[in-house]
Every structure is written in C-alpha cells, then in structure tokens.
PDB file of N, CA and C in Angstrom:
ATOM      1  N   MET A   1     -17.671 -14.777  -1.583  1.00  0.00           N
ATOM      2  CA  MET A   1     -18.202 -16.125  -1.377  1.00  0.00           C
ATOM      3  C   MET A   1     -19.179 -16.490  -2.512  1.00  0.00           C
ATOM      4  N   ILE A   2     -19.824 -15.543  -3.085  1.00  0.00           N
ATOM      5  CA  ILE A   2     -20.701 -15.853  -4.161  1.00  0.00           C
ATOM      6  C   ILE A   2     -19.927 -16.475  -5.320  1.00  0.00           C
ATOM      7  N   GLY A   3     -20.454 -17.506  -5.862  1.00  0.00           N
ATOM      8  CA  GLY A   3     -19.770 -18.244  -6.913  1.00  0.00           C
ATOM      9  C   GLY A   3     -18.962 -19.476  -6.413  1.00  0.00           C
ATOM     10  N   GLU A   4     -18.832 -19.550  -5.075  1.00  0.00           N
ATOM     11  CA  GLU A   4     -18.034 -20.681  -4.545  1.00  0.00           C
ATOM     12  C   GLU A   4     -18.834 -21.967  -4.614  1.00  0.00           C
ATOM     13  N   LYS A   5     -18.129 -23.077  -4.878  1.00  0.00           N
ATOM     14  CA  LYS A   5     -18.735 -24.354  -4.981  1.00  0.00           C
ATOM     15  C   LYS A   5     -18.929 -25.011  -3.566  1.00  0.00           C
ATOM     16  N   VAL A   6     -20.092 -25.700  -3.386  1.00  0.00           N
ATOM     17  CA  VAL A   6     -20.333 -26.395  -2.146  1.00  0.00           C
ATOM     18  C   VAL A   6     -20.864 -27.719  -2.501  1.00  0.00           C
ATOM     19  N   THR A   7     -20.922 -28.623  -1.495  1.00  0.00           N
ATOM     20  CA  THR A   7     -21.544 -29.916  -1.680  1.00  0.00           C
ATOM     21  C   THR A   7     -22.594 -30.079  -0.526  1.00  0.00           C
ATOM     22  N   HIS A   8     -23.593 -30.815  -0.842  1.00  0.00           N
ATOM     23  CA  HIS A   8     -24.654 -31.217   0.100  1.00  0.00           C
ATOM     24  C   HIS A   8     -24.880 -32.699  -0.082  1.00  0.00           C
ATOM     25  N   GLU A   9     -25.022 -33.449   1.004  1.00  0.00           N
ATOM     26  CA  GLU A   9     -25.129 -34.893   0.870  1.00  0.00           C
ATOM     27  C   GLU A   9     -26.344 -35.428   0.124  1.00  0.00           C
ATOM     28  N   ILE A  10     -27.414 -34.641   0.048  1.00  0.00           N
ATOM     29  CA  ILE A  10     -28.622 -35.102  -0.677  1.00  0.00           C
ATOM     30  C   ILE A  10     -28.696 -34.398  -1.994  1.00  0.00           C
ATOM     31  N   PHE A  11     -28.390 -33.059  -2.103  1.00  0.00           N
ATOM     32  CA  PHE A  11     -28.570 -32.376  -3.367  1.00  0.00           C
ATOM     33  C   PHE A  11     -27.284 -32.346  -4.220  1.00  0.00           C
ATOM     34  N   GLY A  12     -26.166 -32.759  -3.693  1.00  0.00           N
ATOM     35  CA  GLY A  12     -24.959 -32.885  -4.505  1.00  0.00           C
ATOM     36  C   GLY A  12     -24.215 -31.539  -4.558  1.00  0.00           C
ATOM     37  N   GLU A  13     -23.544 -31.264  -5.702  1.00  0.00           N
ATOM     38  CA  GLU A  13     -22.765 -30.085  -5.899  1.00  0.00           C
ATOM     39  C   GLU A  13     -23.649 -28.922  -6.229  1.00  0.00           C
ATOM     40  N   GLY A  14     -23.259 -27.722  -5.710  1.00  0.00           N
ATOM     41  CA  GLY A  14     -23.931 -26.498  -5.943  1.00  0.00           C
ATOM     42  C   GLY A  14     -23.067 -25.339  -5.897  1.00  0.00           C
ATOM     43  N   VAL A  15     -23.581 -24.127  -6.181  1.00  0.00           N
ATOM     44  CA  VAL A  15     -22.819 -22.917  -6.268  1.00  0.00           C
ATOM     45  C   VAL A  15     -23.605 -21.878  -5.442  1.00  0.00           C
ATOM     46  N   ILE A  16     -22.876 -21.194  -4.572  1.00  0.00           N
ATOM     47  CA  ILE A  16     -23.484 -20.120  -3.713  1.00  0.00           C
ATOM     48  C   ILE A  16     -23.900 -18.928  -4.645  1.00  0.00           C
ATOM     49  N   SER A  17     -25.186 -18.575  -4.610  1.00  0.00           N
ATOM     50  CA  SER A  17     -25.683 -17.531  -5.438  1.00  0.00           C
ATOM     51  C   SER A  17     -25.925 -16.225  -4.673  1.00  0.00           C
ATOM     52  N   SER A  18     -26.137 -16.296  -3.398  1.00  0.00           N
ATOM     53  CA  SER A  18     -26.284 -15.085  -2.586  1.00  0.00           C
ATOM     54  C   SER A  18     -26.111 -15.395  -1.112  1.00  0.00           C
ATOM     55  N   VAL A  19     -25.770 -14.382  -0.403  1.00  0.00           N
ATOM     56  CA  VAL A  19     -25.671 -14.443   1.091  1.00  0.00           C
ATOM     57  C   VAL A  19     -26.392 -13.228   1.675  1.00  0.00           C
ATOM     58  N   ASP A  20     -27.365 -13.403   2.538  1.00  0.00           N
ATOM     59  CA  ASP A  20     -28.067 -12.367   3.155  1.00  0.00           C
ATOM     60  C   ASP A  20     -27.746 -12.457   4.690  1.00  0.00           C
ATOM     61  N   THR A  21     -26.791 -11.603   5.073  1.00  0.00           N
ATOM     62  CA  THR A  21     -26.352 -11.650   6.545  1.00  0.00           C
ATOM     63  C   THR A  21     -27.388 -11.014   7.426  1.00  0.00           C
ATOM     64  N   ASP A  22     -28.307 -10.222   6.890  1.00  0.00           N
ATOM     65  CA  ASP A  22     -29.348  -9.627   7.763  1.00  0.00           C
ATOM     66  C   ASP A  22     -30.380 -10.685   8.098  1.00  0.00           C
ATOM     67  N   LYS A  23     -30.644 -11.573   7.228  1.00  0.00           N
ATOM     68  CA  LYS A  23     -31.623 -12.703   7.464  1.00  0.00           C
ATOM     69  C   LYS A  23     -30.917 -13.988   7.829  1.00  0.00           C
ATOM     70  N   ASN A  24     -29.533 -13.989   7.829  1.00  0.00           N
ATOM     71  CA  ASN A  24     -28.725 -15.185   8.074  1.00  0.00           C
ATOM     72  C   ASN A  24     -29.131 -16.350   7.181  1.00  0.00           C
ATOM     73  N   LEU A  25     -29.118 -16.066   5.840  1.00  0.00           N
ATOM     74  CA  LEU A  25     -29.447 -17.066   4.861  1.00  0.00           C
ATOM     75  C   LEU A  25     -28.393 -17.101   3.743  1.00  0.00           C
ATOM     76  N   VAL A  26     -28.098 -18.245   3.222  1.00  0.00           N
ATOM     77  CA  VAL A  26     -27.237 -18.465   2.128  1.00  0.00           C
ATOM     78  C   VAL A  26     -28.092 -19.235   1.099  1.00  0.00           C
ATOM     79  N   SER A  27     -28.041 -18.711  -0.194  1.00  0.00           N
ATOM     80  CA  SER A  27     -28.785 -19.390  -1.284  1.00  0.00           C
ATOM     81  C   SER A  27     -27.793 -20.173  -2.132  1.00  0.00           C
ATOM     82  N   VAL A  28     -28.171 -21.413  -2.491  1.00  0.00           N
ATOM     83  CA  VAL A  28     -27.276 -22.281  -3.249  1.00  0.00           C
ATOM     84  C   VAL A  28     -28.055 -22.821  -4.434  1.00  0.00           C
ATOM     85  N   VAL A  29     -27.453 -22.766  -5.595  1.00  0.00           N
ATOM     86  CA  VAL A  29     -28.112 -23.311  -6.835  1.00  0.00           C
ATOM     87  C   VAL A  29     -27.580 -24.756  -7.063  1.00  0.00           C
ATOM     88  N   PHE A  30     -28.477 -25.653  -7.072  1.00  0.00           N
ATOM     89  CA  PHE A  30     -28.265 -27.049  -7.366  1.00  0.00           C
ATOM     90  C   PHE A  30     -28.947 -27.365  -8.691  1.00  0.00           C
ATOM     91  N   GLY A  31     -28.241 -27.298  -9.804  1.00  0.00           N
ATOM     92  CA  GLY A  31     -28.848 -27.515 -11.079  1.00  0.00           C
ATOM     93  C   GLY A  31     -29.881 -26.422 -11.374  1.00  0.00           C
ATOM     94  N   LYS A  32     -31.154 -26.776 -11.554  1.00  0.00           N
ATOM     95  CA  LYS A  32     -32.184 -25.802 -11.769  1.00  0.00           C
ATOM     96  C   LYS A  32     -32.912 -25.347 -10.521  1.00  0.00           C
ATOM     97  N   ARG A  33     -32.526 -25.910  -9.363  1.00  0.00           N
ATOM     98  CA  ARG A  33     -33.150 -25.581  -8.066  1.00  0.00           C
ATOM     99  C   ARG A  33     -32.244 -24.722  -7.219  1.00  0.00           C
ATOM    100  N   THR A  34     -32.863 -23.696  -6.631  1.00  0.00           N
ATOM    101  CA  THR A  34     -32.196 -22.820  -5.670  1.00  0.00           C
ATOM    102  C   THR A  34     -32.802 -23.021  -4.242  1.00  0.00           C
ATOM    103  N   LEU A  35     -31.894 -23.336  -3.321  1.00  0.00           N
ATOM    104  CA  LEU A  35     -32.355 -23.579  -1.943  1.00  0.00           C
ATOM    105  C   LEU A  35     -31.645 -22.596  -1.040  1.00  0.00           C
ATOM    106  N   CYS A  36     -32.400 -22.241   0.069  1.00  0.00           N
ATOM    107  CA  CYS A  36     -31.821 -21.394   1.127  1.00  0.00           C
ATOM    108  C   CYS A  36     -31.501 -22.227   2.354  1.00  0.00           C
ATOM    109  N   PHE A  37     -30.386 -21.803   2.994  1.00  0.00           N
ATOM    110  CA  PHE A  37     -30.003 -22.516   4.202  1.00  0.00           C
ATOM    111  C   PHE A  37     -29.566 -21.455   5.260  1.00  0.00           C
ATOM    112  N   PRO A  38     -29.593 -21.857   6.518  1.00  0.00           N
ATOM    113  CA  PRO A  38     -29.208 -20.942   7.575  1.00  0.00           C
ATOM    114  C   PRO A  38     -27.684 -20.607   7.419  1.00  0.00           C
ATOM    115  N   TYR A  39     -27.359 -19.336   7.526  1.00  0.00           N
ATOM    116  CA  TYR A  39     -25.946 -18.871   7.403  1.00  0.00           C
ATOM    117  C   TYR A  39     -25.453 -18.349   8.742  1.00  0.00           C
ATOM    118  N   PRO A  40     -24.295 -18.780   9.151  1.00  0.00           N
ATOM    119  CA  PRO A  40     -23.329 -19.687   8.616  1.00  0.00           C
ATOM    120  C   PRO A  40     -23.487 -21.102   9.144  1.00  0.00           C
ATOM    121  N   ASP A  41     -24.537 -21.392   9.960  1.00  0.00           N
ATOM    122  CA  ASP A  41     -24.665 -22.657  10.665  1.00  0.00           C
ATOM    123  C   ASP A  41     -24.748 -23.901   9.726  1.00  0.00           C
ATOM    124  N   SER A  42     -25.262 -23.714   8.530  1.00  0.00           N
ATOM    125  CA  SER A  42     -25.410 -24.829   7.621  1.00  0.00           C
ATOM    126  C   SER A  42     -24.010 -25.404   7.251  1.00  0.00           C
ATOM    127  N   PHE A  43     -22.973 -24.601   7.456  1.00  0.00           N
ATOM    128  CA  PHE A  43     -21.624 -25.058   7.106  1.00  0.00           C
ATOM    129  C   PHE A  43     -21.010 -25.938   8.247  1.00  0.00           C
ATOM    130  N   ARG A  44     -21.790 -26.105   9.310  1.00  0.00           N
ATOM    131  CA  ARG A  44     -21.322 -27.030  10.355  1.00  0.00           C
ATOM    132  C   ARG A  44     -22.119 -28.326  10.234  1.00  0.00           C
ATOM    133  N   GLY A  45     -22.922 -28.477   9.226  1.00  0.00           N
ATOM    134  CA  GLY A  45     -23.720 -29.598   9.098  1.00  0.00           C
ATOM    135  C   GLY A  45     -23.875 -30.143   7.634  1.00  0.00           C
ATOM    136  N   TYR A  46     -24.917 -29.538   6.965  1.00  0.00           N
ATOM    137  CA  TYR A  46     -25.259 -30.099   5.653  1.00  0.00           C
ATOM    138  C   TYR A  46     -24.532 -29.521   4.465  1.00  0.00           C
ATOM    139  N   LEU A  47     -23.904 -28.370   4.534  1.00  0.00           N
ATOM    140  CA  LEU A  47     -23.160 -27.805   3.401  1.00  0.00           C
ATOM    141  C   LEU A  47     -21.696 -27.851   3.769  1.00  0.00           C
ATOM    142  N   THR A  48     -20.926 -28.123   2.655  1.00  0.00           N
ATOM    143  CA  THR A  48     -19.448 -28.169   2.788  1.00  0.00           C
ATOM    144  C   THR A  48     -18.835 -27.364   1.624  1.00  0.00           C
ATOM    145  N   ALA A  49     -18.032 -26.318   1.933  1.00  0.00           N
ATOM    146  CA  ALA A  49     -17.423 -25.547   0.863  1.00  0.00           C
ATOM    147  C   ALA A  49     -16.271 -26.433   0.297  1.00  0.00           C
ATOM    148  N   VAL A  50     -16.215 -26.458  -1.063  1.00  0.00           N
ATOM    149  CA  VAL A  50     -15.166 -27.168  -1.699  1.00  0.00           C
ATOM    150  C   VAL A  50     -13.798 -26.590  -1.338  1.00  0.00           C
ATOM    151  N   ASP A  51     -13.672 -25.228  -1.187  1.00  0.00           N
ATOM    152  CA  ASP A  51     -12.521 -24.591  -0.753  1.00  0.00           C
ATOM    153  C   ASP A  51     -12.313 -24.804   0.688  1.00  0.00           C
ATOM    154  N   LEU A  52     -11.385 -25.588   1.125  1.00  0.00           N
ATOM    155  CA  LEU A  52     -11.225 -26.038   2.510  1.00  0.00           C
ATOM    156  C   LEU A  52     -10.893 -24.877   3.439  1.00  0.00           C
ATOM    157  N   ASP A  53     -10.185 -23.858   2.908  1.00  0.00           N
ATOM    158  CA  ASP A  53      -9.939 -22.651   3.788  1.00  0.00           C
ATOM    159  C   ASP A  53     -11.248 -21.901   4.062  1.00  0.00           C
ATOM    160  N   LEU A  54     -12.080 -21.746   3.044  1.00  0.00           N
ATOM    161  CA  LEU A  54     -13.395 -21.158   3.210  1.00  0.00           C
ATOM    162  C   LEU A  54     -14.221 -21.956   4.199  1.00  0.00           C
ATOM    163  N   GLN A  55     -14.244 -23.274   4.061  1.00  0.00           N
ATOM    164  CA  GLN A  55     -15.027 -24.105   4.949  1.00  0.00           C
ATOM    165  C   GLN A  55     -14.581 -23.891   6.413  1.00  0.00           C
ATOM    166  N   LYS A  56     -13.279 -23.944   6.631  1.00  0.00           N
ATOM    167  CA  LYS A  56     -12.755 -23.705   8.019  1.00  0.00           C
ATOM    168  C   LYS A  56     -13.139 -22.322   8.572  1.00  0.00           C
ATOM    169  N   SER A  57     -13.119 -21.343   7.689  1.00  0.00           N
ATOM    170  CA  SER A  57     -13.496 -19.998   8.140  1.00  0.00           C
ATOM    171  C   SER A  57     -14.980 -19.858   8.461  1.00  0.00           C
ATOM    172  N   LEU A  58     -15.814 -20.545   7.725  1.00  0.00           N
ATOM    173  CA  LEU A  58     -17.259 -20.510   7.943  1.00  0.00           C
ATOM    174  C   LEU A  58     -17.622 -21.276   9.202  1.00  0.00           C
ATOM    175  N   GLN A  59     -16.930 -22.365   9.499  1.00  0.00           N
ATOM    176  CA  GLN A  59     -17.156 -23.188  10.649  1.00  0.00           C
ATOM    177  C   GLN A  59     -16.763 -22.266  11.869  1.00  0.00           C
ATOM    178  N   GLU A  60     -15.686 -21.572  11.840  1.00  0.00           N
ATOM    179  CA  GLU A  60     -15.290 -20.723  12.906  1.00  0.00           C
ATOM    180  C   GLU A  60     -16.295 -19.635  13.130  1.00  0.00           C
ATOM    181  N   GLU A  61     -16.760 -19.015  12.037  1.00  0.00           N
ATOM    182  CA  GLU A  61     -17.778 -17.977  12.099  1.00  0.00           C
ATOM    183  C   GLU A  61     -19.062 -18.474  12.852  1.00  0.00           C
ATOM    184  N   SER A  62     -19.386 -19.707  12.510  1.00  0.00           N
ATOM    185  CA  SER A  62     -20.604 -20.270  13.067  1.00  0.00           C
ATOM    186  C   SER A  62     -20.444 -20.520  14.542  1.00  0.00           C
ATOM    187  N   LYS A  63     -19.299 -20.926  14.992  1.00  0.00           N
ATOM    188  CA  LYS A  63     -18.941 -21.214  16.402  1.00  0.00           C
ATOM    189  C   LYS A  63     -19.030 -19.870  17.207  1.00  0.00           C
ATOM    190  N   ASN A  64     -18.679 -18.778  16.580  1.00  0.00           N
ATOM    191  CA  ASN A  64     -18.548 -17.489  17.283  1.00  0.00           C
ATOM    192  C   ASN A  64     -19.893 -16.738  17.389  1.00  0.00           C
ATOM    193  N   GLN A  65     -20.937 -17.304  16.836  1.00  0.00           N
ATOM    194  CA  GLN A  65     -22.282 -16.640  16.884  1.00  0.00           C
ATOM    195  C   GLN A  65     -23.035 -16.954  18.101  1.00  0.00           C
TER     196      GLN A  65
END
C-alpha cells in the first residue's frame, strides 16, 4: 500500500508513505506536508484511494473492525 495515490477533499492528491497497524495510523504526503490519519477508518470518509480495488478493500477492512 505504501506508494499508493490517494485524494483528500481539502489537501488534494497525496501518496501513502507509511502504515502503522499497531497504532492504527496511515501517513500521507501532500506536497511538502505529511499528515497522519486513522487507519483504516479514514478510507470511509476523508481519504480515497485512487486504485478503486484498494479503496473497496480498505472500506471492507474498516467495516470489519
């Protein structure tokens, strides 16, 4: 998943730089800014993976938690 492109309605396009499943966080680089979001719940709201298969998988993972 690292390196996958995502979009955010405020910050625009970004790239996943890390995923910490122990802390349930995903880090995304938007230009020169890196932001952390709840993982995988952020993919049911503010983050959308450009790869639609990945997006669907992440939404399912979020529902199962």
